[in-house]
Amino acid sequence: MTGTTGVAGPAQARPLPVQATPEPQAAPPTGKRRMSFGARFRRDRGLLLMTVPAALLLAVFHYLPLLGNVVAFLDYDQWAGDSAVEAIVNSPFIGFTNFAELFEDSQFWDALRNTLALTTFQLVFFFPLPIALAILLNSVLSPRLRGFIQTVVYLPHFFSWVLVVTFFVQMLGGAGLLAQVLRDNGMEPWNIMGNPDTFIVLVSTQALWKDVGWGTIIFLAALTAIDQSLYEAAASDGANRWRRLWHVTLPGLRPVVVLLLILQLGNSLTVGFEQFILQRDAVGRQAAEVLDTYVYYLGLVTQDYGVGTAAGLFKAVIGLILILAANRVARRFGEEGVFVRS
């Protein structure tokens, strides 16, 4: 009788457990399916219809006049045709001769120097003031008092430059209120409105009084977008008011500050026309001549349209270069800037 105790011979291989093969999963979608142009047009036709008046206004008064910049490269003769278009067609092409004549004009460099000095002065001393005023108004607890102050500082924005200059003449001019008070007290009045040495301070003060309220409203709107929980978290961590201002308020305002700073740099050569043409005779051409008044006198008064157009085109090209450069710098520092590439 043979027994079956133990396992005789070599051990038999046991089959491995069969693992369940996972079912193949569908590949995740690589991206959303783009809508066709017709579908997007039907979806947004209401919004597009609303933008038609603004687009027409922009095309007629901004983009269509750009075609006239060709005069900068022509020996333009306004009597060469019965219309402006015919005169442009009949005027001979002279290349960059107008630009060479422009750069040889000493008055052009005086106007450029005054424009850059004024822009730099206002950028350093004027640009931070709306930010500071917005922060101060935001800290006012009474909504009625805040609304009153905001209305007072915003109201001059609607005044024309004729009214603004007239107001300053009545207050600071030779026969103004300040001069009369000084004469009544036996003192010689200051020549504020006619002093070319302090003209840059005068026009900056006028621009500040007129437009500081507009900038304040923009920054007040930016302050309302800051998450209030950040202030509560900072206060719970022991941050005082100055710490909350430095670590919460200013970083929250930074995107708006960068955007407005880029736009300000783009308009650095456009400092205004009415404000300077009204005060040019009082302080002289050397102090009040900027690029806008230079283009006016050269292109319209003396009817040197080619060189005047060249000066305007030069100003526009420099402004575009400044915007693109400032936008690139802002992108390198992590800000969105004016536009981003998709």
Protein backbone atom coordinates (compact mmCIF):
# COMPACT_ATOMS: atom_id res chain seq x y z
CA MET A 1 0.00 0.00 0.00
CA THR A 2 1.52 3.06 -1.09
CA GLY A 3 0.94 6.28 0.87
CA THR A 4 0.72 9.78 -0.35
CA THR A 5 2.47 11.42 2.54
CA GLY A 6 4.57 14.46 1.57
CA VAL A 7 5.42 15.63 -1.87
CA ALA A 8 7.67 13.36 -3.83
CA GLY A 9 9.97 14.72 -6.48
CA PRO A 10 10.45 18.28 -7.48
CA ALA A 11 7.85 20.86 -6.53
CA GLN A 12 5.28 21.52 -9.22
CA ALA A 13 4.99 25.08 -10.49
CA ARG A 14 1.88 26.81 -9.33
CA PRO A 15 0.03 29.02 -11.75
CA LEU A 16 0.33 32.75 -11.03
CA PRO A 17 -2.83 34.61 -10.20
CA VAL A 18 -4.33 36.24 -13.22
CA GLN A 19 -4.50 40.02 -12.88
CA ALA A 20 -7.37 41.90 -14.37
CA THR A 21 -6.27 43.94 -17.35
CA PRO A 22 -7.47 47.54 -16.95
CA GLU A 23 -9.73 48.73 -19.66
CA PRO A 24 -8.20 51.36 -21.88
CA GLN A 25 -9.38 54.85 -20.94
CA ALA A 26 -10.23 57.50 -23.40
CA ALA A 27 -7.54 60.11 -23.90
CA PRO A 28 -8.32 63.39 -22.12
CA PRO A 29 -9.45 66.15 -24.41
CA THR A 30 -6.56 68.30 -25.57
CA GLY A 31 -8.64 71.47 -25.62
CA LYS A 32 -12.03 72.97 -26.18
CA ARG A 33 -13.38 72.85 -29.66
CA ARG A 34 -13.21 76.27 -31.23
CA MET A 35 -16.45 77.75 -32.38
CA SER A 36 -16.76 78.74 -35.99
CA PHE A 37 -16.78 82.38 -36.98
CA GLY A 38 -20.45 82.23 -37.90
CA ALA A 39 -21.39 80.72 -34.52
CA ARG A 40 -19.40 83.35 -32.64
CA PHE A 41 -20.93 86.10 -34.76
CA ARG A 42 -24.48 84.88 -34.06
CA ARG A 43 -23.65 84.63 -30.35
CA ASP A 44 -22.13 88.12 -30.06
CA ARG A 45 -24.08 90.03 -32.71
CA GLY A 46 -25.85 92.13 -30.08
CA LEU A 47 -22.58 93.25 -28.53
CA LEU A 48 -21.02 93.86 -31.94
CA LEU A 49 -23.97 96.01 -32.93
CA MET A 50 -23.46 98.14 -29.83
CA THR A 51 -19.81 98.77 -30.77
CA VAL A 52 -20.59 99.95 -34.32
CA PRO A 53 -21.03 103.68 -33.43
CA ALA A 54 -17.78 103.74 -31.43
CA ALA A 55 -15.94 101.87 -34.18
CA LEU A 56 -17.18 104.33 -36.82
CA LEU A 57 -16.18 107.28 -34.64
CA LEU A 58 -12.73 105.80 -34.12
CA ALA A 59 -12.29 105.03 -37.81
CA VAL A 60 -13.42 108.42 -39.10
CA PHE A 61 -11.65 110.68 -36.60
CA HIS A 62 -8.57 108.60 -35.73
CA TYR A 63 -7.62 105.98 -38.29
CA LEU A 64 -8.67 107.77 -41.48
CA PRO A 65 -6.57 110.90 -40.70
CA LEU A 66 -3.53 108.64 -40.34
CA LEU A 67 -3.42 108.47 -44.14
CA GLY A 68 -2.46 112.14 -44.13
CA ASN A 69 0.92 111.28 -42.58
CA VAL A 70 2.15 110.65 -46.11
CA VAL A 71 2.54 114.45 -46.34
CA ALA A 72 5.67 114.07 -44.19
CA PHE A 73 7.39 112.42 -47.16
CA LEU A 74 6.13 114.87 -49.82
CA ASP A 75 6.90 118.38 -50.97
CA TYR A 76 3.27 119.16 -50.29
CA ASP A 77 1.62 121.94 -52.26
CA GLN A 78 -1.94 122.65 -51.20
CA TRP A 79 -2.60 124.41 -54.56
CA ALA A 80 -1.58 121.37 -56.62
CA GLY A 81 -5.17 120.14 -56.88
CA ASP A 82 -8.78 121.05 -56.35
CA SER A 83 -8.98 118.87 -53.21
CA ALA A 84 -6.62 117.74 -50.48
CA VAL A 85 -6.43 114.21 -51.91
CA GLU A 86 -5.60 115.54 -55.38
CA ALA A 87 -2.97 117.87 -53.91
CA ILE A 88 -1.34 114.93 -52.11
CA VAL A 89 -1.31 112.86 -55.31
CA ASN A 90 0.23 115.68 -57.35
CA SER A 91 2.89 116.61 -54.76
CA PRO A 92 6.36 115.14 -55.46
CA PHE A 93 7.89 112.52 -53.18
CA ILE A 94 11.03 113.78 -51.40
CA GLY A 95 11.70 110.98 -48.89
CA PHE A 96 13.09 112.06 -45.52
CA THR A 97 13.95 115.62 -46.52
CA ASN A 98 11.29 117.06 -44.22
CA PHE A 99 12.69 115.08 -41.28
CA ALA A 100 16.21 116.35 -42.03
CA GLU A 101 14.91 119.91 -42.06
CA LEU A 102 13.02 119.24 -38.83
CA PHE A 103 16.08 117.95 -36.98
CA GLU A 104 18.13 120.96 -38.11
CA ASP A 105 15.63 123.39 -36.58
CA SER A 106 16.77 124.66 -33.17
CA GLN A 107 13.19 125.53 -32.21
CA PHE A 108 12.24 121.88 -32.57
CA TRP A 109 14.88 120.84 -30.05
CA ASP A 110 13.75 123.61 -27.68
CA ALA A 111 10.18 122.32 -27.90
CA LEU A 112 11.33 118.72 -27.39
CA ARG A 113 13.44 119.73 -24.39
CA ASN A 114 10.54 121.60 -22.78
CA THR A 115 8.18 118.69 -23.43
CA LEU A 116 10.50 116.10 -21.88
CA ALA A 117 11.24 118.32 -18.86
CA LEU A 118 7.55 118.92 -18.25
CA THR A 119 6.70 115.23 -18.64
CA THR A 120 9.44 114.16 -16.24
CA PHE A 121 8.44 116.77 -13.67
CA GLN A 122 4.77 115.79 -13.76
CA LEU A 123 5.59 112.08 -13.73
CA VAL A 124 7.66 112.43 -10.57
CA PHE A 125 5.57 114.96 -8.64
CA PHE A 126 2.08 114.64 -10.13
CA PHE A 127 1.56 110.95 -10.83
CA PRO A 128 1.74 109.72 -7.17
CA LEU A 129 -0.71 112.33 -5.85
CA PRO A 130 -3.95 110.70 -7.11
CA ILE A 131 -2.79 107.44 -5.49
CA ALA A 132 -2.19 109.12 -2.16
CA LEU A 133 -5.51 111.01 -2.33
CA ALA A 134 -7.41 107.82 -3.19
CA ILE A 135 -5.87 106.01 -0.22
CA LEU A 136 -6.75 108.91 2.09
CA LEU A 137 -10.34 109.07 0.82
CA ASN A 138 -10.70 105.32 1.18
CA SER A 139 -9.77 105.62 4.86
CA VAL A 140 -12.49 108.21 5.52
CA LEU A 141 -15.22 106.46 7.49
CA SER A 142 -18.08 108.83 6.68
CA PRO A 143 -19.50 108.06 3.20
CA ARG A 144 -21.10 111.51 3.03
CA LEU A 145 -17.82 113.30 3.74
CA ARG A 146 -15.97 111.06 1.30
CA GLY A 147 -18.51 111.77 -1.43
CA PHE A 148 -18.31 115.52 -0.81
CA ILE A 149 -14.49 115.61 -1.04
CA GLN A 150 -14.55 113.39 -4.11
CA THR A 151 -17.02 115.72 -5.84
CA VAL A 152 -14.98 118.83 -5.01
CA VAL A 153 -11.71 117.42 -6.37
CA TYR A 154 -13.39 115.89 -9.44
CA LEU A 155 -15.38 118.97 -10.51
CA PRO A 156 -12.44 120.88 -12.14
CA HIS A 157 -11.98 118.01 -14.58
CA PHE A 158 -15.02 119.33 -16.49
CA PHE A 159 -13.65 122.88 -16.74
CA SER A 160 -12.12 124.02 -20.01
CA TRP A 161 -8.52 125.20 -20.06
CA VAL A 162 -9.73 128.72 -20.77
CA LEU A 163 -11.61 128.71 -17.47
CA VAL A 164 -8.71 127.11 -15.59
CA VAL A 165 -6.15 129.64 -16.84
CA THR A 166 -8.59 132.49 -16.16
CA PHE A 167 -9.06 131.28 -12.60
CA PHE A 168 -5.30 131.21 -12.00
CA VAL A 169 -4.91 134.67 -13.53
CA GLN A 170 -7.59 136.07 -11.22
CA MET A 171 -5.91 134.44 -8.22
CA LEU A 172 -2.17 134.71 -8.99
CA GLY A 173 -1.89 137.31 -11.77
CA GLY A 174 -0.48 140.79 -11.48
CA ALA A 175 -3.95 142.21 -10.74
CA GLY A 176 -5.19 139.10 -8.97
CA LEU A 177 -6.26 138.46 -5.42
CA LEU A 178 -2.82 137.45 -4.11
CA ALA A 179 -1.14 140.53 -5.62
CA GLN A 180 -3.73 142.85 -4.09
CA VAL A 181 -3.27 141.29 -0.65
CA LEU A 182 0.50 141.67 -0.89
CA ARG A 183 0.21 145.31 -2.00
CA ASP A 184 -2.18 146.09 0.84
CA ASN A 185 0.45 144.77 3.26
CA GLY A 186 3.26 146.79 1.72
CA MET A 187 4.93 143.92 -0.15
CA GLU A 188 5.84 143.61 -3.79
CA PRO A 189 3.69 140.99 -5.56
CA TRP A 190 5.35 138.00 -7.19
CA ASN A 191 5.37 137.59 -10.93
CA ILE A 192 3.86 134.11 -10.94
CA MET A 193 1.89 134.04 -14.17
CA GLY A 194 4.61 135.68 -16.27
CA ASN A 195 7.79 134.16 -14.86
CA PRO A 196 9.38 131.73 -17.39
CA ASP A 197 11.66 130.23 -14.72
CA THR A 198 8.71 128.87 -12.71
CA PHE A 199 6.41 128.17 -15.67
CA ILE A 200 6.89 124.40 -15.35
CA VAL A 201 5.65 124.53 -11.75
CA LEU A 202 2.71 126.73 -12.76
CA VAL A 203 1.43 124.47 -15.54
CA SER A 204 1.96 121.36 -13.40
CA THR A 205 -0.09 122.95 -10.62
CA GLN A 206 -2.84 123.79 -13.10
CA ALA A 207 -2.87 120.23 -14.44
CA LEU A 208 -2.89 118.86 -10.90
CA TRP A 209 -5.85 121.01 -9.85
CA LYS A 210 -7.77 120.08 -12.97
CA ASP A 211 -7.16 116.33 -13.29
CA VAL A 212 -6.21 114.97 -9.87
CA GLY A 213 -9.85 114.06 -9.22
CA TRP A 214 -10.03 111.93 -12.37
CA GLY A 215 -7.03 109.86 -11.33
CA THR A 216 -8.41 109.57 -7.81
CA ILE A 217 -11.63 107.97 -9.06
CA ILE A 218 -9.65 105.38 -11.03
CA PHE A 219 -7.61 104.38 -8.00
CA LEU A 220 -10.66 104.39 -5.73
CA ALA A 221 -12.27 101.87 -8.09
CA ALA A 222 -9.09 99.77 -7.89
CA LEU A 223 -9.17 99.90 -4.09
CA THR A 224 -12.70 98.48 -4.00
CA ALA A 225 -11.47 95.43 -5.93
CA ILE A 226 -9.00 94.44 -3.20
CA ASP A 227 -10.21 91.47 -1.15
CA GLN A 228 -11.13 92.71 2.32
CA SER A 229 -10.21 89.34 3.84
CA LEU A 230 -6.57 90.21 3.17
CA TYR A 231 -6.85 93.19 5.52
CA GLU A 232 -8.52 91.02 8.16
CA ALA A 233 -5.82 88.37 7.86
CA ALA A 234 -3.07 90.98 8.10
CA ALA A 235 -4.73 92.59 11.14
CA SER A 236 -5.06 89.21 12.85
CA ASP A 237 -1.33 88.65 12.30
CA GLY A 238 -0.57 91.87 14.13
CA ALA A 239 0.05 94.18 11.14
CA ASN A 240 -0.62 97.81 11.91
CA ARG A 241 -2.12 100.32 9.45
CA TRP A 242 1.17 101.11 7.75
CA ARG A 243 2.01 97.43 7.36
CA ARG A 244 -1.40 96.76 5.80
CA LEU A 245 -0.86 99.70 3.46
CA TRP A 246 2.54 98.42 2.38
CA HIS A 247 1.74 94.71 2.07
CA VAL A 248 -1.93 94.74 0.99
CA THR A 249 -3.02 98.10 -0.45
CA LEU A 250 -0.04 98.97 -2.60
CA PRO A 251 0.34 95.46 -4.09
CA GLY A 252 -3.38 95.54 -4.89
CA LEU A 253 -2.97 98.86 -6.70
CA ARG A 254 0.16 97.80 -8.55
CA PRO A 255 -1.53 96.47 -11.75
CA VAL A 256 -3.51 99.70 -12.19
CA VAL A 257 -0.45 101.82 -11.41
CA VAL A 258 1.62 99.95 -14.00
CA LEU A 259 -1.13 100.26 -16.62
CA LEU A 260 -1.56 104.01 -16.14
CA LEU A 261 2.20 104.51 -16.01
CA ILE A 262 2.61 102.79 -19.39
CA LEU A 263 -0.14 104.95 -20.88
CA GLN A 264 1.45 108.05 -19.36
CA LEU A 265 4.78 107.16 -20.98
CA GLY A 266 3.02 106.69 -24.30
CA ASN A 267 1.64 110.23 -24.03
CA SER A 268 4.91 111.68 -22.74
CA LEU A 269 5.34 113.86 -25.84
CA THR A 270 1.70 114.98 -25.77
CA VAL A 271 1.44 117.41 -22.88
CA GLY A 272 -1.46 119.45 -24.22
CA PHE A 273 -2.12 122.36 -26.54
CA GLU A 274 -4.73 124.74 -25.12
CA GLN A 275 -3.00 125.20 -21.79
CA PHE A 276 0.25 126.32 -23.42
CA ILE A 277 -1.14 128.34 -26.31
CA LEU A 278 -3.11 130.45 -23.82
CA GLN A 279 0.00 131.31 -21.77
CA ARG A 280 2.64 131.40 -24.50
CA ASP A 281 2.62 135.17 -24.89
CA ALA A 282 2.90 135.76 -21.12
CA VAL A 283 6.10 133.74 -20.57
CA GLY A 284 7.60 133.64 -24.06
CA ARG A 285 8.26 130.94 -26.61
CA GLN A 286 11.41 129.63 -24.93
CA ALA A 287 9.48 128.52 -21.84
CA ALA A 288 6.04 127.61 -23.24
CA GLU A 289 6.90 126.03 -26.59
CA VAL A 290 6.10 122.30 -26.59
CA LEU A 291 5.76 119.88 -29.47
CA ASP A 292 2.01 120.42 -29.80
CA THR A 293 2.34 124.20 -30.15
CA TYR A 294 5.39 123.76 -32.39
CA VAL A 295 3.41 121.57 -34.80
CA TYR A 296 0.57 124.09 -34.77
CA TYR A 297 2.72 127.12 -35.58
CA LEU A 298 4.87 125.30 -38.09
CA GLY A 299 2.12 123.41 -39.89
CA LEU A 300 -0.82 125.81 -39.79
CA VAL A 301 0.48 129.31 -39.11
CA THR A 302 3.50 129.19 -41.42
CA GLN A 303 1.80 126.58 -43.66
CA ASP A 304 4.89 124.38 -43.79
CA TYR A 305 2.74 121.27 -43.84
CA GLY A 306 5.47 118.79 -44.71
CA VAL A 307 7.76 119.61 -41.78
CA GLY A 308 4.81 120.03 -39.42
CA THR A 309 3.49 116.59 -40.35
CA ALA A 310 6.98 115.15 -39.91
CA ALA A 311 7.09 116.57 -36.37
CA GLY A 312 3.70 115.05 -35.55
CA LEU A 313 4.71 111.68 -37.01
CA PHE A 314 7.95 111.76 -35.04
CA LYS A 315 6.00 112.35 -31.84
CA ALA A 316 3.62 109.48 -32.59
CA VAL A 317 6.41 107.02 -33.40
CA ILE A 318 8.32 107.86 -30.21
CA GLY A 319 5.12 107.41 -28.18
CA LEU A 320 4.52 104.00 -29.75
CA ILE A 321 8.09 102.92 -29.02
CA LEU A 322 7.77 104.03 -25.39
CA ILE A 323 4.52 102.08 -24.95
CA LEU A 324 5.98 98.90 -26.43
CA ALA A 325 9.17 99.20 -24.36
CA ALA A 326 7.30 99.93 -21.13
CA ASN A 327 4.90 97.06 -21.78
CA ARG A 328 7.82 94.66 -22.32
CA VAL A 329 9.48 95.80 -19.09
CA ALA A 330 6.19 95.33 -17.22
CA ARG A 331 5.84 91.82 -18.61
CA ARG A 332 9.35 90.95 -17.45
CA PHE A 333 8.42 91.99 -13.92
CA GLY A 334 5.33 89.79 -13.96
CA GLU A 335 2.69 92.41 -14.75
CA GLU A 336 0.07 92.16 -17.48
CA GLY A 337 0.81 95.52 -19.06
CA VAL A 338 -1.38 97.10 -21.72
CA PHE A 339 -1.70 94.02 -23.92
CA VAL A 340 -0.44 90.45 -23.87
CA ARG A 341 0.33 88.07 -26.67
CA SER A 342 -2.00 85.09 -26.93
